[in-house]
Amino acid sequence: MTDHHKHNHSGGHHHHHVAPNKQGRIFVFVIILNMVFVVIEFSYGYIANSTALAADAGHNVSDVLSLLLAWSAIILTRKQPSQRYTYGLRSTSILAALANAMLLLVASGGIAWEAIHRFSQPPAVDSLTVSIVAAVGIFVNGLSAWLFMKSSKKDLNIRGAYLHMAADTAVSLAVVIAGVAIFYTGWYWLDPVISLVIVIVILIGTWGLLLDSLKLALNAVPEGIDVPAIHEYLNQLSGVTDIHDLHIWGLSTTETALTVHLVMPEGHPGDAFMDDIVHTLNEHYSVHHSTLQIEQGTTNHSCSLTVPNR
């Protein structure tokens, strides 16, 4: 019985569409941009006597915190493994994505609570000022979301930051619409109505992020990984008569790990053969960290974590 362990760092690592340094600069820029806007929005919320702007600024504060959380996770994922953390701190990106989803849900609950209270006594506000400041918010949040959009497709952690910014863009747009409508009609009840619609939109977008990050936190097979195809590929390898104890999970929001036992009666096929398996798993199946165990099948190896065939 022989263990063969490989961690492939070269080619085929298709999940990173943005260089780490550039990604870090994007986070710094977006965080600073949003912090400046929060100060402006709070100030004009006080000047215009607008609880809507003040509440939105408070919501934007939670977004800045979520961006700091996501950025910190990206930094931690680059930490080298240690004797205590043998996989490094890659899973912090999963925790950050999960925390971001919960932050979005909490922020949505806050907006909904405020909107419900406003139905009884809609406050009079300087709707023109509200619309102008909210229009600036569309630009700030829209630009932030656009900067994260490309990486969000393959990185759940970045997706959390992207959803925060996209949700804020929708909030700002709705505030502009409400401000203009209120300016011409005086219907102050439009503000809480649109706020509740926005909450529903945010919840729909956040639910998927919450489920995906929760699955990764529970070591589920990451989305996009074709387990039957990997099983078939390993089974058809020359010299392999059986495979068992195949486990696949997410090391982070961008990296996948695999362990498997290969039954090869003729014994270890050599390092070159094993390297080719690891390379193929990385290139064609998006598995970046593989641990392969070779057995000759002379004894009955059993595992309490054996996955039933279905």
C-alpha atoms as a PDB file:
ATOM      1  CA  MET A   1       0.000   0.000   0.000  1.00  0.00           C
ATOM      2  CA  THR A   2       1.525   3.287  -1.098  1.00  0.00           C
ATOM      3  CA  ASP A   3       0.406   6.879  -0.721  1.00  0.00           C
ATOM      4  CA  HIS A   4       1.117   9.317  -3.513  1.00  0.00           C
ATOM      5  CA  HIS A   5       0.470  12.954  -2.755  1.00  0.00           C
ATOM      6  CA  LYS A   6       0.675  15.812  -5.226  1.00  0.00           C
ATOM      7  CA  HIS A   7      -0.392  19.434  -5.097  1.00  0.00           C
ATOM      8  CA  ASN A   8      -0.402  20.900  -8.552  1.00  0.00           C
ATOM      9  CA  HIS A   9       0.310  24.650  -8.592  1.00  0.00           C
ATOM     10  CA  SER A  10       0.925  25.041 -12.310  1.00  0.00           C
ATOM     11  CA  GLY A  11      -1.435  25.347 -15.324  1.00  0.00           C
ATOM     12  CA  GLY A  12      -5.043  24.314 -15.237  1.00  0.00           C
ATOM     13  CA  HIS A  13      -5.958  26.330 -12.182  1.00  0.00           C
ATOM     14  CA  HIS A  14      -8.841  27.939 -14.019  1.00  0.00           C
ATOM     15  CA  HIS A  15     -10.634  29.541 -11.101  1.00  0.00           C
ATOM     16  CA  HIS A  16      -8.464  32.639 -10.740  1.00  0.00           C
ATOM     17  CA  HIS A  17      -9.388  35.104 -13.469  1.00  0.00           C
ATOM     18  CA  VAL A  18      -7.808  38.072 -11.702  1.00  0.00           C
ATOM     19  CA  ALA A  19      -4.198  38.170 -10.473  1.00  0.00           C
ATOM     20  CA  PRO A  20      -3.977  38.177  -6.640  1.00  0.00           C
ATOM     21  CA  ASN A  21      -2.178  41.543  -6.485  1.00  0.00           C
ATOM     22  CA  LYS A  22      -4.702  43.165  -8.839  1.00  0.00           C
ATOM     23  CA  GLN A  23      -7.540  41.628  -6.840  1.00  0.00           C
ATOM     24  CA  GLY A  24      -6.108  43.144  -3.665  1.00  0.00           C
ATOM     25  CA  ARG A  25      -5.881  46.581  -5.292  1.00  0.00           C
ATOM     26  CA  ILE A  26      -9.524  46.291  -6.390  1.00  0.00           C
ATOM     27  CA  PHE A  27     -10.586  45.570  -2.809  1.00  0.00           C
ATOM     28  CA  VAL A  28      -8.593  48.516  -1.427  1.00  0.00           C
ATOM     29  CA  PHE A  29     -10.064  50.880  -4.033  1.00  0.00           C
ATOM     30  CA  VAL A  30     -13.654  49.693  -3.500  1.00  0.00           C
ATOM     31  CA  ILE A  31     -13.367  49.830   0.308  1.00  0.00           C
ATOM     32  CA  ILE A  32     -11.998  53.386   0.284  1.00  0.00           C
ATOM     33  CA  LEU A  33     -14.568  54.500  -2.302  1.00  0.00           C
ATOM     34  CA  ASN A  34     -17.451  53.116  -0.255  1.00  0.00           C
ATOM     35  CA  MET A  35     -16.139  54.531   3.027  1.00  0.00           C
ATOM     36  CA  VAL A  36     -16.018  58.024   1.490  1.00  0.00           C
ATOM     37  CA  PHE A  37     -19.551  57.605   0.138  1.00  0.00           C
ATOM     38  CA  VAL A  38     -20.840  56.448   3.547  1.00  0.00           C
ATOM     39  CA  VAL A  39     -19.589  59.685   5.138  1.00  0.00           C
ATOM     40  CA  ILE A  40     -21.201  61.761   2.352  1.00  0.00           C
ATOM     41  CA  GLU A  41     -24.485  59.856   2.572  1.00  0.00           C
ATOM     42  CA  PHE A  42     -24.697  60.191   6.365  1.00  0.00           C
ATOM     43  CA  SER A  43     -24.018  63.915   6.105  1.00  0.00           C
ATOM     44  CA  TYR A  44     -26.656  64.563   3.457  1.00  0.00           C
ATOM     45  CA  GLY A  45     -29.115  62.303   5.253  1.00  0.00           C
ATOM     46  CA  TYR A  46     -28.867  64.652   8.233  1.00  0.00           C
ATOM     47  CA  ILE A  47     -29.070  67.783   6.050  1.00  0.00           C
ATOM     48  CA  ALA A  48     -32.118  66.521   4.095  1.00  0.00           C
ATOM     49  CA  ASN A  49     -33.794  65.100   7.207  1.00  0.00           C
ATOM     50  CA  SER A  50     -33.891  61.788   5.376  1.00  0.00           C
ATOM     51  CA  THR A  51     -33.959  58.614   7.430  1.00  0.00           C
ATOM     52  CA  ALA A  52     -33.842  56.736   4.113  1.00  0.00           C
ATOM     53  CA  LEU A  53     -30.375  58.053   3.288  1.00  0.00           C
ATOM     54  CA  ALA A  54     -29.208  57.537   6.870  1.00  0.00           C
ATOM     55  CA  ALA A  55     -30.520  53.970   6.872  1.00  0.00           C
ATOM     56  CA  ASP A  56     -28.917  53.268   3.492  1.00  0.00           C
ATOM     57  CA  ALA A  57     -25.630  54.684   4.785  1.00  0.00           C
ATOM     58  CA  GLY A  58     -25.878  52.321   7.736  1.00  0.00           C
ATOM     59  CA  HIS A  59     -26.474  49.475   5.305  1.00  0.00           C
ATOM     60  CA  ASN A  60     -23.396  50.587   3.358  1.00  0.00           C
ATOM     61  CA  VAL A  61     -21.354  50.406   6.558  1.00  0.00           C
ATOM     62  CA  SER A  62     -22.229  46.698   6.766  1.00  0.00           C
ATOM     63  CA  ASP A  63     -21.080  46.376   3.151  1.00  0.00           C
ATOM     64  CA  VAL A  64     -17.711  47.930   3.979  1.00  0.00           C
ATOM     65  CA  LEU A  65     -17.365  45.433   6.821  1.00  0.00           C
ATOM     66  CA  SER A  66     -18.237  42.585   4.456  1.00  0.00           C
ATOM     67  CA  LEU A  67     -15.633  43.798   1.955  1.00  0.00           C
ATOM     68  CA  LEU A  68     -13.011  43.894   4.712  1.00  0.00           C
ATOM     69  CA  LEU A  69     -14.046  40.366   5.672  1.00  0.00           C
ATOM     70  CA  ALA A  70     -13.758  39.058   2.099  1.00  0.00           C
ATOM     71  CA  TRP A  71     -10.424  40.824   1.546  1.00  0.00           C
ATOM     72  CA  SER A  72      -9.020  39.448   4.813  1.00  0.00           C
ATOM     73  CA  ALA A  73     -10.058  35.944   3.762  1.00  0.00           C
ATOM     74  CA  ILE A  74      -8.223  36.309   0.435  1.00  0.00           C
ATOM     75  CA  ILE A  75      -5.074  37.365   2.288  1.00  0.00           C
ATOM     76  CA  LEU A  76      -5.394  34.456   4.735  1.00  0.00           C
ATOM     77  CA  THR A  77      -5.821  31.913   1.914  1.00  0.00           C
ATOM     78  CA  ARG A  78      -2.287  32.769   0.766  1.00  0.00           C
ATOM     79  CA  LYS A  79      -0.757  31.827   4.117  1.00  0.00           C
ATOM     80  CA  GLN A  80       1.542  28.831   3.869  1.00  0.00           C
ATOM     81  CA  PRO A  81       0.541  25.585   5.622  1.00  0.00           C
ATOM     82  CA  SER A  82       1.899  25.044   9.118  1.00  0.00           C
ATOM     83  CA  GLN A  83       2.187  22.109  11.523  1.00  0.00           C
ATOM     84  CA  ARG A  84      -1.086  23.201  13.102  1.00  0.00           C
ATOM     85  CA  TYR A  85      -2.907  24.167   9.889  1.00  0.00           C
ATOM     86  CA  THR A  86      -1.620  21.640   7.369  1.00  0.00           C
ATOM     87  CA  TYR A  87      -3.871  22.990   4.592  1.00  0.00           C
ATOM     88  CA  GLY A  88      -3.045  26.586   5.446  1.00  0.00           C
ATOM     89  CA  LEU A  89      -5.988  28.937   6.022  1.00  0.00           C
ATOM     90  CA  ARG A  90      -7.707  28.433   2.676  1.00  0.00           C
ATOM     91  CA  SER A  91     -11.084  27.607   4.209  1.00  0.00           C
ATOM     92  CA  THR A  92     -11.359  31.157   5.596  1.00  0.00           C
ATOM     93  CA  SER A  93     -12.695  32.165   2.180  1.00  0.00           C
ATOM     94  CA  ILE A  94     -15.596  29.725   2.703  1.00  0.00           C
ATOM     95  CA  LEU A  95     -16.291  31.179   6.148  1.00  0.00           C
ATOM     96  CA  ALA A  96     -16.168  34.705   4.698  1.00  0.00           C
ATOM     97  CA  ALA A  97     -18.693  33.789   1.990  1.00  0.00           C
ATOM     98  CA  LEU A  98     -20.997  32.280   4.629  1.00  0.00           C
ATOM     99  CA  ALA A  99     -20.626  35.331   6.875  1.00  0.00           C
ATOM    100  CA  ASN A 100     -21.322  37.657   3.950  1.00  0.00           C
ATOM    101  CA  ALA A 101     -24.534  35.793   3.146  1.00  0.00           C
ATOM    102  CA  MET A 102     -25.689  36.115   6.753  1.00  0.00           C
ATOM    103  CA  LEU A 103     -24.740  39.812   6.808  1.00  0.00           C
ATOM    104  CA  LEU A 104     -26.877  40.382   3.727  1.00  0.00           C
ATOM    105  CA  LEU A 105     -29.816  38.629   5.381  1.00  0.00           C
ATOM    106  CA  VAL A 106     -29.419  40.700   8.556  1.00  0.00           C
ATOM    107  CA  ALA A 107     -29.145  43.923   6.531  1.00  0.00           C
ATOM    108  CA  SER A 108     -32.273  42.947   4.576  1.00  0.00           C
ATOM    109  CA  GLY A 109     -34.122  42.365   7.830  1.00  0.00           C
ATOM    110  CA  GLY A 110     -33.094  45.827   9.022  1.00  0.00           C
ATOM    111  CA  ILE A 111     -34.344  47.463   5.823  1.00  0.00           C
ATOM    112  CA  ALA A 112     -37.644  45.546   5.992  1.00  0.00           C
ATOM    113  CA  TRP A 113     -38.166  46.511   9.647  1.00  0.00           C
ATOM    114  CA  GLU A 114     -37.564  50.184   8.886  1.00  0.00           C
ATOM    115  CA  ALA A 115     -39.878  50.053   5.841  1.00  0.00           C
ATOM    116  CA  ILE A 116     -42.744  48.479   7.807  1.00  0.00           C
ATOM    117  CA  HIS A 117     -42.496  51.175  10.470  1.00  0.00           C
ATOM    118  CA  ARG A 118     -42.668  53.894   7.825  1.00  0.00           C
ATOM    119  CA  PHE A 119     -46.057  52.780   6.561  1.00  0.00           C
ATOM    120  CA  SER A 120     -47.769  54.225   9.623  1.00  0.00           C
ATOM    121  CA  GLN A 121     -46.060  57.634   9.477  1.00  0.00           C
ATOM    122  CA  PRO A 122     -44.148  58.246   6.232  1.00  0.00           C
ATOM    123  CA  PRO A 123     -41.664  61.067   6.991  1.00  0.00           C
ATOM    124  CA  ALA A 124     -41.435  64.207   4.861  1.00  0.00           C
ATOM    125  CA  VAL A 125     -38.011  64.464   3.247  1.00  0.00           C
ATOM    126  CA  ASP A 126     -36.083  66.642   0.824  1.00  0.00           C
ATOM    127  CA  SER A 127     -36.743  64.265  -2.072  1.00  0.00           C
ATOM    128  CA  LEU A 128     -34.563  66.155  -4.568  1.00  0.00           C
ATOM    129  CA  THR A 129     -31.470  65.911  -2.348  1.00  0.00           C
ATOM    130  CA  VAL A 130     -32.246  62.254  -1.656  1.00  0.00           C
ATOM    131  CA  SER A 131     -32.445  61.505  -5.388  1.00  0.00           C
ATOM    132  CA  ILE A 132     -29.164  63.263  -6.187  1.00  0.00           C
ATOM    133  CA  VAL A 133     -27.216  61.509  -3.416  1.00  0.00           C
ATOM    134  CA  ALA A 134     -28.780  58.156  -4.319  1.00  0.00           C
ATOM    135  CA  ALA A 135     -27.780  58.723  -7.963  1.00  0.00           C
ATOM    136  CA  VAL A 136     -24.171  59.096  -6.801  1.00  0.00           C
ATOM    137  CA  GLY A 137     -24.715  55.829  -4.922  1.00  0.00           C
ATOM    138  CA  ILE A 138     -25.689  54.104  -8.168  1.00  0.00           C
ATOM    139  CA  PHE A 139     -22.350  55.099  -9.678  1.00  0.00           C
ATOM    140  CA  VAL A 140     -20.292  54.125  -6.600  1.00  0.00           C
ATOM    141  CA  ASN A 141     -21.997  50.782  -6.011  1.00  0.00           C
ATOM    142  CA  GLY A 142     -22.366  49.988  -9.718  1.00  0.00           C
ATOM    143  CA  LEU A 143     -18.647  50.576 -10.313  1.00  0.00           C
ATOM    144  CA  SER A 144     -17.795  48.436  -7.287  1.00  0.00           C
ATOM    145  CA  ALA A 145     -20.042  45.596  -8.487  1.00  0.00           C
ATOM    146  CA  TRP A 146     -18.587  45.787 -12.007  1.00  0.00           C
ATOM    147  CA  LEU A 147     -15.031  45.460 -10.659  1.00  0.00           C
ATOM    148  CA  PHE A 148     -15.997  42.262  -8.821  1.00  0.00           C
ATOM    149  CA  MET A 149     -18.269  40.818 -11.508  1.00  0.00           C
ATOM    150  CA  LYS A 150     -15.684  38.823 -13.473  1.00  0.00           C
ATOM    151  CA  SER A 151     -14.141  37.054 -10.469  1.00  0.00           C
ATOM    152  CA  SER A 152     -17.543  36.464  -8.853  1.00  0.00           C
ATOM    153  CA  LYS A 153     -18.411  33.797 -11.410  1.00  0.00           C
ATOM    154  CA  LYS A 154     -15.810  31.343 -10.073  1.00  0.00           C
ATOM    155  CA  ASP A 155     -15.076  32.505  -6.510  1.00  0.00           C
ATOM    156  CA  LEU A 156     -17.860  32.234  -3.942  1.00  0.00           C
ATOM    157  CA  ASN A 157     -16.095  34.655  -1.605  1.00  0.00           C
ATOM    158  CA  ILE A 158     -15.864  37.335  -4.316  1.00  0.00           C
ATOM    159  CA  ARG A 159     -19.452  36.527  -5.245  1.00  0.00           C
ATOM    160  CA  GLY A 160     -20.506  37.569  -1.742  1.00  0.00           C
ATOM    161  CA  ALA A 161     -18.811  40.959  -2.166  1.00  0.00           C
ATOM    162  CA  TYR A 162     -20.299  41.318  -5.652  1.00  0.00           C
ATOM    163  CA  LEU A 163     -23.835  40.599  -4.385  1.00  0.00           C
ATOM    164  CA  HIS A 164     -23.420  43.221  -1.663  1.00  0.00           C
ATOM    165  CA  MET A 165     -22.451  45.858  -4.219  1.00  0.00           C
ATOM    166  CA  ALA A 166     -25.105  44.782  -6.737  1.00  0.00           C
ATOM    167  CA  ALA A 167     -27.769  44.887  -4.035  1.00  0.00           C
ATOM    168  CA  ASP A 168     -26.654  48.381  -3.031  1.00  0.00           C
ATOM    169  CA  THR A 169     -26.874  49.497  -6.647  1.00  0.00           C
ATOM    170  CA  ALA A 170     -30.488  48.283  -6.733  1.00  0.00           C
ATOM    171  CA  VAL A 171     -31.189  50.045  -3.437  1.00  0.00           C
ATOM    172  CA  SER A 172     -29.761  53.328  -4.738  1.00  0.00           C
ATOM    173  CA  LEU A 173     -31.733  53.037  -7.983  1.00  0.00           C
ATOM    174  CA  ALA A 174     -34.949  52.431  -6.062  1.00  0.00           C
ATOM    175  CA  VAL A 175     -34.231  55.416  -3.809  1.00  0.00           C
ATOM    176  CA  VAL A 176     -33.754  57.623  -6.894  1.00  0.00           C
ATOM    177  CA  ILE A 177     -37.055  56.423  -8.376  1.00  0.00           C
ATOM    178  CA  ALA A 178     -38.839  56.917  -5.071  1.00  0.00           C
ATOM    179  CA  GLY A 179     -37.291  60.368  -4.646  1.00  0.00           C
ATOM    180  CA  VAL A 180     -38.397  61.539  -8.087  1.00  0.00           C
ATOM    181  CA  ALA A 181     -41.895  60.079  -7.632  1.00  0.00           C
ATOM    182  CA  ILE A 182     -42.264  61.665  -4.210  1.00  0.00           C
ATOM    183  CA  PHE A 183     -41.039  64.999  -5.562  1.00  0.00           C
ATOM    184  CA  TYR A 184     -43.854  65.088  -8.135  1.00  0.00           C
ATOM    185  CA  THR A 185     -46.642  63.356  -6.197  1.00  0.00           C
ATOM    186  CA  GLY A 186     -45.915  63.792  -2.498  1.00  0.00           C
ATOM    187  CA  TRP A 187     -46.627  60.080  -1.973  1.00  0.00           C
ATOM    188  CA  TYR A 188     -44.187  59.395   0.867  1.00  0.00           C
ATOM    189  CA  TRP A 189     -45.501  55.828   1.233  1.00  0.00           C
ATOM    190  CA  LEU A 190     -43.624  54.941  -1.967  1.00  0.00           C
ATOM    191  CA  ASP A 191     -40.381  54.840  -0.005  1.00  0.00           C
ATOM    192  CA  PRO A 192     -41.280  51.848   2.226  1.00  0.00           C
ATOM    193  CA  VAL A 193     -43.004  50.020  -0.630  1.00  0.00           C
ATOM    194  CA  ILE A 194     -39.917  50.140  -2.841  1.00  0.00           C
ATOM    195  CA  SER A 195     -37.729  49.233   0.135  1.00  0.00           C
ATOM    196  CA  LEU A 196     -39.701  46.004   0.653  1.00  0.00           C
ATOM    197  CA  VAL A 197     -39.423  45.138  -3.043  1.00  0.00           C
ATOM    198  CA  ILE A 198     -35.650  45.599  -2.807  1.00  0.00           C
ATOM    199  CA  VAL A 199     -35.524  43.315   0.237  1.00  0.00           C
ATOM    200  CA  ILE A 200     -37.228  40.548  -1.746  1.00  0.00           C
ATOM    201  CA  VAL A 201     -34.724  40.962  -4.604  1.00  0.00           C
ATOM    202  CA  ILE A 202     -31.781  40.818  -2.171  1.00  0.00           C
ATOM    203  CA  LEU A 203     -33.163  37.708  -0.468  1.00  0.00           C
ATOM    204  CA  ILE A 204     -33.544  35.879  -3.781  1.00  0.00           C
ATOM    205  CA  GLY A 205     -29.940  36.635  -4.732  1.00  0.00           C
ATOM    206  CA  THR A 206     -28.554  35.867  -1.271  1.00  0.00           C
ATOM    207  CA  TRP A 207     -30.283  32.527  -0.807  1.00  0.00           C
ATOM    208  CA  GLY A 208     -28.097  30.827  -3.416  1.00  0.00           C
ATOM    209  CA  LEU A 209     -24.920  32.273  -1.881  1.00  0.00           C
ATOM    210  CA  LEU A 210     -25.986  31.068   1.565  1.00  0.00           C
ATOM    211  CA  LEU A 211     -26.710  27.523   0.364  1.00  0.00           C
ATOM    212  CA  ASP A 212     -23.486  27.250  -1.678  1.00  0.00           C
ATOM    213  CA  SER A 213     -21.260  28.550   1.125  1.00  0.00           C
ATOM    214  CA  LEU A 214     -23.014  26.343   3.694  1.00  0.00           C
ATOM    215  CA  LYS A 215     -22.450  23.288   1.484  1.00  0.00           C
ATOM    216  CA  LEU A 216     -18.735  24.088   1.172  1.00  0.00           C
ATOM    217  CA  ALA A 217     -18.505  24.626   4.940  1.00  0.00           C
ATOM    218  CA  LEU A 218     -19.928  21.094   5.335  1.00  0.00           C
ATOM    219  CA  ASN A 219     -17.301  19.685   2.903  1.00  0.00           C
ATOM    220  CA  ALA A 220     -19.772  19.022   0.103  1.00  0.00           C
ATOM    221  CA  VAL A 221     -18.472  18.452  -3.413  1.00  0.00           C
ATOM    222  CA  PRO A 222     -18.084  21.938  -4.981  1.00  0.00           C
ATOM    223  CA  GLU A 223     -20.473  22.983  -7.737  1.00  0.00           C
ATOM    224  CA  GLY A 224     -19.166  22.162 -11.215  1.00  0.00           C
ATOM    225  CA  ILE A 225     -17.221  19.053 -10.141  1.00  0.00           C
ATOM    226  CA  ASP A 226     -18.395  16.002 -12.113  1.00  0.00           C
ATOM    227  CA  VAL A 227     -18.006  13.149  -9.598  1.00  0.00           C
ATOM    228  CA  PRO A 228     -19.260  10.343 -11.920  1.00  0.00           C
ATOM    229  CA  ALA A 229     -16.802  11.482 -14.630  1.00  0.00           C
ATOM    230  CA  ILE A 230     -13.885  11.472 -12.158  1.00  0.00           C
ATOM    231  CA  HIS A 231     -14.960   8.038 -10.901  1.00  0.00           C
ATOM    232  CA  GLU A 232     -15.071   6.690 -14.455  1.00  0.00           C
ATOM    233  CA  TYR A 233     -11.683   8.240 -15.346  1.00  0.00           C
ATOM    234  CA  LEU A 234      -9.949   6.674 -12.340  1.00  0.00           C
ATOM    235  CA  ASN A 235     -11.629   3.292 -12.912  1.00  0.00           C
ATOM    236  CA  GLN A 236     -10.450   3.037 -16.523  1.00  0.00           C
ATOM    237  CA  LEU A 237      -6.794   3.744 -15.721  1.00  0.00           C
ATOM    238  CA  SER A 238      -4.374   1.044 -16.863  1.00  0.00           C
ATOM    239  CA  GLY A 239      -3.704  -1.428 -14.041  1.00  0.00           C
ATOM    240  CA  VAL A 240      -6.586  -0.211 -11.855  1.00  0.00           C
ATOM    241  CA  THR A 241      -9.098  -2.945 -11.013  1.00  0.00           C
ATOM    242  CA  ASP A 242     -11.139  -0.997  -8.490  1.00  0.00           C
ATOM    243  CA  ILE A 243     -11.302   2.311  -6.624  1.00  0.00           C
ATOM    244  CA  HIS A 244     -12.797   3.178  -3.266  1.00  0.00           C
ATOM    245  CA  ASP A 245     -12.840   5.870  -0.574  1.00  0.00           C
ATOM    246  CA  LEU A 246     -13.182   8.636  -3.142  1.00  0.00           C
ATOM    247  CA  HIS A 247     -13.684  11.936  -1.312  1.00  0.00           C
ATOM    248  CA  ILE A 248     -13.872  15.393  -2.912  1.00  0.00           C
ATOM    249  CA  TRP A 249     -14.324  18.678  -1.063  1.00  0.00           C
ATOM    250  CA  GLY A 250     -13.543  22.372  -1.293  1.00  0.00           C
ATOM    251  CA  LEU A 251     -10.296  23.557   0.284  1.00  0.00           C
ATOM    252  CA  SER A 252     -11.422  27.116  -0.372  1.00  0.00           C
ATOM    253  CA  THR A 253     -13.906  28.923  -2.587  1.00  0.00           C
ATOM    254  CA  THR A 254     -11.549  28.349  -5.541  1.00  0.00           C
ATOM    255  CA  GLU A 255      -9.647  25.123  -4.792  1.00  0.00           C
ATOM    256  CA  THR A 256     -10.819  21.512  -4.724  1.00  0.00           C
ATOM    257  CA  ALA A 257      -9.164  18.568  -2.972  1.00  0.00           C
ATOM    258  CA  LEU A 258      -9.480  14.829  -3.628  1.00  0.00           C
ATOM    259  CA  THR A 259      -8.406  11.618  -1.894  1.00  0.00           C
ATOM    260  CA  VAL A 260      -8.894   8.131  -3.325  1.00  0.00           C
ATOM    261  CA  HIS A 261      -7.669   4.549  -2.973  1.00  0.00           C
ATOM    262  CA  LEU A 262      -6.656   2.865  -6.248  1.00  0.00           C
ATOM    263  CA  VAL A 263      -6.551  -0.950  -6.261  1.00  0.00           C
ATOM    264  CA  MET A 264      -3.630  -2.013  -8.518  1.00  0.00           C
ATOM    265  CA  PRO A 265      -2.690  -5.724  -8.121  1.00  0.00           C
ATOM    266  CA  GLU A 266       0.613  -5.198  -9.971  1.00  0.00           C
ATOM    267  CA  GLY A 267       1.713  -2.658  -7.389  1.00  0.00           C
ATOM    268  CA  HIS A 268       2.843   0.961  -7.638  1.00  0.00           C
ATOM    269  CA  PRO A 269       3.001   2.026 -11.317  1.00  0.00           C
ATOM    270  CA  GLY A 270       5.754   4.620 -10.832  1.00  0.00           C
ATOM    271  CA  ASP A 271       5.835   8.340 -10.125  1.00  0.00           C
ATOM    272  CA  ALA A 272       5.452   9.386 -13.775  1.00  0.00           C
ATOM    273  CA  PHE A 273       2.142   7.510 -14.024  1.00  0.00           C
ATOM    274  CA  MET A 274       0.920   9.083 -10.805  1.00  0.00           C
ATOM    275  CA  ASP A 275       2.004  12.546 -11.899  1.00  0.00           C
ATOM    276  CA  ASP A 276      -0.020  12.113 -15.081  1.00  0.00           C
ATOM    277  CA  ILE A 277      -3.149  11.282 -13.035  1.00  0.00           C
ATOM    278  CA  VAL A 278      -2.677  14.360 -10.857  1.00  0.00           C
ATOM    279  CA  HIS A 279      -2.115  16.542 -13.925  1.00  0.00           C
ATOM    280  CA  THR A 280      -5.259  15.210 -15.642  1.00  0.00           C
ATOM    281  CA  LEU A 281      -7.379  15.704 -12.514  1.00  0.00           C
ATOM    282  CA  ASN A 282      -6.162  19.284 -12.348  1.00  0.00           C
ATOM    283  CA  GLU A 283      -6.463  20.134 -16.045  1.00  0.00           C
ATOM    284  CA  HIS A 284      -9.709  18.382 -16.944  1.00  0.00           C
ATOM    285  CA  TYR A 285     -11.630  17.981 -13.689  1.00  0.00           C
ATOM    286  CA  SER A 286     -10.642  21.129 -11.715  1.00  0.00           C
ATOM    287  CA  VAL A 287      -9.169  19.140  -8.831  1.00  0.00           C
ATOM    288  CA  HIS A 288      -6.163  21.065  -7.551  1.00  0.00           C
ATOM    289  CA  HIS A 289      -4.955  18.973  -4.622  1.00  0.00           C
ATOM    290  CA  SER A 290      -4.918  15.167  -5.042  1.00  0.00           C
ATOM    291  CA  THR A 291      -3.863  12.421  -2.638  1.00  0.00           C
ATOM    292  CA  LEU A 292      -3.760   8.959  -4.226  1.00  0.00           C
ATOM    293  CA  GLN A 293      -3.303   5.734  -2.250  1.00  0.00           C
ATOM    294  CA  ILE A 294      -2.211   2.568  -4.061  1.00  0.00           C
ATOM    295  CA  GLU A 295      -3.348  -0.854  -2.824  1.00  0.00           C
ATOM    296  CA  GLN A 296      -2.781  -4.322  -4.296  1.00  0.00           C
ATOM    297  CA  GLY A 297      -6.105  -5.652  -3.046  1.00  0.00           C
ATOM    298  CA  THR A 298      -4.573  -8.437  -0.920  1.00  0.00           C
ATOM    299  CA  THR A 299      -6.542  -7.354   2.141  1.00  0.00           C
ATOM    300  CA  ASN A 300     -10.006  -5.940   2.658  1.00  0.00           C
ATOM    301  CA  HIS A 301      -9.616  -2.206   3.198  1.00  0.00           C
ATOM    302  CA  SER A 302     -12.750  -0.616   4.546  1.00  0.00           C
ATOM    303  CA  CYS A 303     -13.593   2.974   5.434  1.00  0.00           C
ATOM    304  CA  SER A 304     -16.336   4.209   7.752  1.00  0.00           C
ATOM    305  CA  LEU A 305     -16.875   7.122   5.347  1.00  0.00           C
ATOM    306  CA  THR A 306     -17.539   4.975   2.274  1.00  0.00           C
ATOM    307  CA  VAL A 307     -19.993   6.729  -0.069  1.00  0.00           C
ATOM    308  CA  PRO A 308     -22.815   4.402  -1.222  1.00  0.00           C
ATOM    309  CA  ASN A 309     -23.207   3.839  -4.950  1.00  0.00           C
ATOM    310  CA  ARG A 310     -26.394   5.321  -6.414  1.00  0.00           C
END
